[in-house]
C-alpha atoms as a PDB file:
ATOM      1  CA  MET A   1      63.505 -37.724 -12.007  1.00  0.00           C
ATOM      2  CA  GLU A   2      62.171 -34.928 -10.067  1.00  0.00           C
ATOM      3  CA  ALA A   3      62.021 -32.905 -13.305  1.00  0.00           C
ATOM      4  CA  VAL A   4      59.980 -36.203 -15.432  1.00  0.00           C
ATOM      5  CA  VAL A   5      57.647 -36.124 -12.356  1.00  0.00           C
ATOM      6  CA  SER A   6      56.854 -32.196 -12.539  1.00  0.00           C
ATOM      7  CA  MET A   7      56.997 -31.614 -16.559  1.00  0.00           C
ATOM      8  CA  THR A   8      54.423 -34.911 -16.706  1.00  0.00           C
ATOM      9  CA  ILE A   9      52.348 -33.232 -13.914  1.00  0.00           C
ATOM     10  CA  LEU A  10      52.199 -30.287 -16.392  1.00  0.00           C
ATOM     11  CA  ALA A  11      51.709 -33.086 -19.510  1.00  0.00           C
ATOM     12  CA  VAL A  12      48.567 -33.971 -17.390  1.00  0.00           C
ATOM     13  CA  ALA A  13      47.184 -30.378 -16.783  1.00  0.00           C
ATOM     14  CA  MET A  14      47.525 -29.553 -20.268  1.00  0.00           C
ATOM     15  CA  ILE A  15      45.832 -32.385 -21.708  1.00  0.00           C
ATOM     16  CA  ILE A  16      42.831 -31.855 -19.559  1.00  0.00           C
ATOM     17  CA  SER A  17      42.356 -28.296 -19.746  1.00  0.00           C
ATOM     18  CA  VAL A  18      42.688 -27.955 -23.146  1.00  0.00           C
ATOM     19  CA  GLY A  19      40.902 -31.338 -23.716  1.00  0.00           C
ATOM     20  CA  ALA A  20      37.872 -29.501 -21.382  1.00  0.00           C
ATOM     21  CA  LEU A  21      38.166 -25.480 -22.976  1.00  0.00           C
ATOM     22  CA  GLY A  22      38.264 -27.378 -26.660  1.00  0.00           C
ATOM     23  CA  THR A  23      34.456 -29.472 -25.879  1.00  0.00           C
ATOM     24  CA  ALA A  24      33.333 -26.478 -24.356  1.00  0.00           C
ATOM     25  CA  ILE A  25      34.054 -24.934 -27.273  1.00  0.00           C
ATOM     26  CA  GLY A  26      31.777 -27.479 -29.482  1.00  0.00           C
ATOM     27  CA  PHE A  27      29.344 -27.840 -27.069  1.00  0.00           C
ATOM     28  CA  ALA A  28      28.527 -23.811 -27.704  1.00  0.00           C
ATOM     29  CA  LEU A  29      29.443 -23.529 -31.220  1.00  0.00           C
ATOM     30  CA  LEU A  30      27.102 -26.868 -31.743  1.00  0.00           C
ATOM     31  CA  GLY A  31      24.390 -25.732 -29.438  1.00  0.00           C
ATOM     32  CA  GLY A  32      24.060 -22.048 -31.059  1.00  0.00           C
ATOM     33  CA  LYS A  33      24.202 -23.688 -34.612  1.00  0.00           C
ATOM     34  CA  PHE A  34      20.944 -25.794 -34.175  1.00  0.00           C
ATOM     35  CA  LEU A  35      19.022 -23.061 -32.221  1.00  0.00           C
ATOM     36  CA  GLU A  36      19.753 -20.801 -35.618  1.00  0.00           C
ATOM     37  CA  GLY A  37      18.735 -24.082 -37.934  1.00  0.00           C
ATOM     38  CA  ALA A  38      15.734 -24.807 -35.736  1.00  0.00           C
ATOM     39  CA  ALA A  39      14.719 -21.009 -35.693  1.00  0.00           C
ATOM     40  CA  ARG A  40      14.682 -21.056 -39.412  1.00  0.00           C
ATOM     41  CA  ASN A  41      12.983 -24.376 -40.684  1.00  0.00           C
ATOM     42  CA  PRO A  42      11.026 -26.030 -37.644  1.00  0.00           C
ATOM     43  CA  GLU A  43      10.098 -28.298 -39.598  1.00  0.00           C
ATOM     44  CA  THR A  44      13.380 -30.510 -39.179  1.00  0.00           C
ATOM     45  CA  VAL A  45      13.969 -30.190 -35.727  1.00  0.00           C
ATOM     46  CA  PRO A  46      13.991 -33.889 -35.623  1.00  0.00           C
ATOM     47  CA  MET A  47      16.435 -34.418 -37.620  1.00  0.00           C
ATOM     48  CA  LEU A  48      18.403 -31.649 -36.530  1.00  0.00           C
ATOM     49  CA  GLN A  49      17.936 -32.563 -32.467  1.00  0.00           C
ATOM     50  CA  THR A  50      19.249 -36.453 -33.269  1.00  0.00           C
ATOM     51  CA  LYS A  51      22.545 -35.359 -35.632  1.00  0.00           C
ATOM     52  CA  MET A  52      23.258 -32.779 -32.438  1.00  0.00           C
ATOM     53  CA  PHE A  53      23.506 -35.416 -29.848  1.00  0.00           C
ATOM     54  CA  ILE A  54      25.750 -37.720 -32.377  1.00  0.00           C
ATOM     55  CA  ILE A  55      28.345 -34.625 -32.632  1.00  0.00           C
ATOM     56  CA  ALA A  56      27.572 -34.004 -28.982  1.00  0.00           C
ATOM     57  CA  GLY A  57      28.827 -37.794 -28.145  1.00  0.00           C
ATOM     58  CA  LEU A  58      31.971 -37.556 -30.341  1.00  0.00           C
ATOM     59  CA  LEU A  59      32.738 -34.675 -28.906  1.00  0.00           C
ATOM     60  CA  ASP A  60      32.797 -35.926 -25.565  1.00  0.00           C
ATOM     61  CA  ALA A  61      34.458 -39.293 -26.657  1.00  0.00           C
ATOM     62  CA  VAL A  62      36.999 -37.296 -28.077  1.00  0.00           C
ATOM     63  CA  THR A  63      38.057 -35.491 -24.111  1.00  0.00           C
ATOM     64  CA  MET A  64      37.544 -38.819 -22.655  1.00  0.00           C
ATOM     65  CA  ILE A  65      40.136 -40.443 -24.440  1.00  0.00           C
ATOM     66  CA  GLY A  66      42.758 -37.227 -23.543  1.00  0.00           C
ATOM     67  CA  VAL A  67      41.202 -37.894 -19.575  1.00  0.00           C
ATOM     68  CA  GLY A  68      42.447 -41.293 -20.284  1.00  0.00           C
ATOM     69  CA  LEU A  69      45.626 -40.680 -21.948  1.00  0.00           C
ATOM     70  CA  ALA A  70      45.777 -38.221 -18.886  1.00  0.00           C
ATOM     71  CA  LEU A  71      45.814 -40.957 -16.065  1.00  0.00           C
ATOM     72  CA  PHE A  72      48.119 -43.721 -18.262  1.00  0.00           C
ATOM     73  CA  PHE A  73      50.532 -40.356 -18.322  1.00  0.00           C
ATOM     74  CA  THR A  74      49.835 -39.899 -14.404  1.00  0.00           C
ATOM     75  CA  PHE A  75      49.400 -43.227 -12.531  1.00  0.00           C
ATOM     76  CA  ALA A  76      51.703 -45.813 -15.291  1.00  0.00           C
ATOM     77  CA  ASN A  77      54.289 -42.524 -16.783  1.00  0.00           C
ATOM     78  CA  PRO A  78      56.676 -44.352 -18.783  1.00  0.00           C
ATOM     79  CA  PHE A  79      58.816 -41.743 -18.805  1.00  0.00           C
ATOM     80  CA  ILE A  80      60.273 -42.997 -15.030  1.00  0.00           C
ATOM     81  CA  ALA A  81      61.002 -46.275 -16.341  1.00  0.00           C
ATOM     82  CA  GLN A  82      63.494 -44.949 -18.884  1.00  0.00           C
ATOM     83  CA  LEU A  83      65.476 -43.184 -16.194  1.00  0.00           C
ATOM     84  CA  SER A  84      66.738 -46.822 -14.770  1.00  0.00           C
END
């Protein structure tokens, strides 16, 4: 039982940390490309900004799904029920 709980804790930590790292890299790339596009063609900034915020919302949504999954494994661990 202790092994299942400890491996679940490690898995939850990996889910949250990889999600945060992926989101940080995604936002860095997104912001850099937005600034490049705005510098090359300033007239398209409103259109690029709208698309940037849509993509930023999708990036956050993927991370929040991972956080929800991690909370599920933390508080309602389905693997402990299989041991009984």
